[in-house]
Amino acid sequence: MEANQFQSLQAERCTIAGSLTVPRMINGLWQLAGGHDAEVDISTAAEAMKPLIDAGLWCFDMADHYGEAEVVVGQFNATALDSQRQLTAFTKWCPPEDGKKSFKNAEAAVDRALGRMGQKTIALMQYHIWDYSDDTYLHNLDHLRRLQSQGKIQHLGLTNTDAAHLKQLLQAGFCIATNQVSCSVIDRRVVQGDLASVCAEHGVGILAYGTLLGGFLSEKWLVADEPRDVQALNWSLRKYLRFIHAAGGWAPFQRVLRCLASVAEKHKVAIAAVATRWVLDIPVVSAVIVGCRLSADSLKYASSNLMAFSFALDDADRKAIEEAQRGLKIIPGDCGDEYRRPPYLTATGDLSHHLKKSKAVEDAK
């Protein structure tokens, strides 16, 4: 498909929690946290949002620790006078397990996000739990629910939460709209475990990130040697190289990549489009989150990513991909476990500094 043919493509849409409509491809702003570009110019980044919104990609996902991402949204909101060009912003609260359980602490975190984003309400506030054994998260979620009733939050979501704890929270009466987790042709824990069935039963939408493995699922890495200098890689590639290792290593990854390339050639699209379409076709996946640096090249990459909405995988495609996946190992644990116990599949690796020094963590060192 030529560039001028897919520039007019529009992303499919989904409705979260019955009332919030967003494109099924969301701009993820983790790359603004560092490890990709030396410095982010807030005005330039805010300006780069405009063509993305015009292309139908008006939803942006960020967090309290994604550098100045929330400030960039605030800059856009302060300068975008055109009422026809509006964005929807999701953010996250990822507090340390420091024993702070007060409503005042939660309110301060939400007010800080609102102030940085220049908004009166947060469309989706997603909460990350570091340690399930610490009941701080239950207090904080209850506080967020109270702030939701005050109108400061529209919908409450989770990030990197496993099936068991999601189900417990739902049974406890928490109204959870979404759960943001890793999901790709390499990382299939969403469908291999219980998370998909729990989400389907309770109407929780999956927001899938890591669908392109930080860029590894692309033509650049087809029939390429495994990178040896990990420190030379950006944060995204470091992180997802760990996922590749956990799934069996470079050789089985290349087998899947070659299969995706064959399917992509058949449909005249990019490898990334096939990888994205495979995730989008999982019934409980509401949307995919694709990394965006908010630079002059953002629209070019976004236009290419939109190719995922230009075709459909047929039975032969699915069978071929499934056959290629047979050589993969199952990534250990449930969704989100990579943040709480080895193997720590993150950019930095060991995340035990976020956790209490329990015996399990001590033994893992």
Foldseek 3Di string as FASTA:
>chain_A
DDLVVLLQFEAPWFDWPNHRIAGQEEAELLPQLDLNDPHDDLVLLLVLQQVCQVSHHQEYEEEPRSHLVLLSLLNNVVPVPPPVRHHAYEYEYEDFPPPDLDLVVLVVRLVVSCVSNVHQAHAEYEYEDQDPVDCSVVSNLVSVVVVCVVVRYVAYAYEQDFQVVVLVCVVVPRQHREYEFEDWLQAHQCPVDCNVVSCVVRVHAYAYECLCQLPCLFPVVAVHDDDDPLVVHGFSNLLSQLSQVLFPHDVLVNLLSVLLVVVCVVVVATSSLSGQLVVVPSVRHRHYHDYANSHPCRSVVVSNNSCNVVDHDDPVSVVSSVVSSVNTDHRDDHTNCLSHAPQNSGSVGDNCVSDDPDVRSVVRD
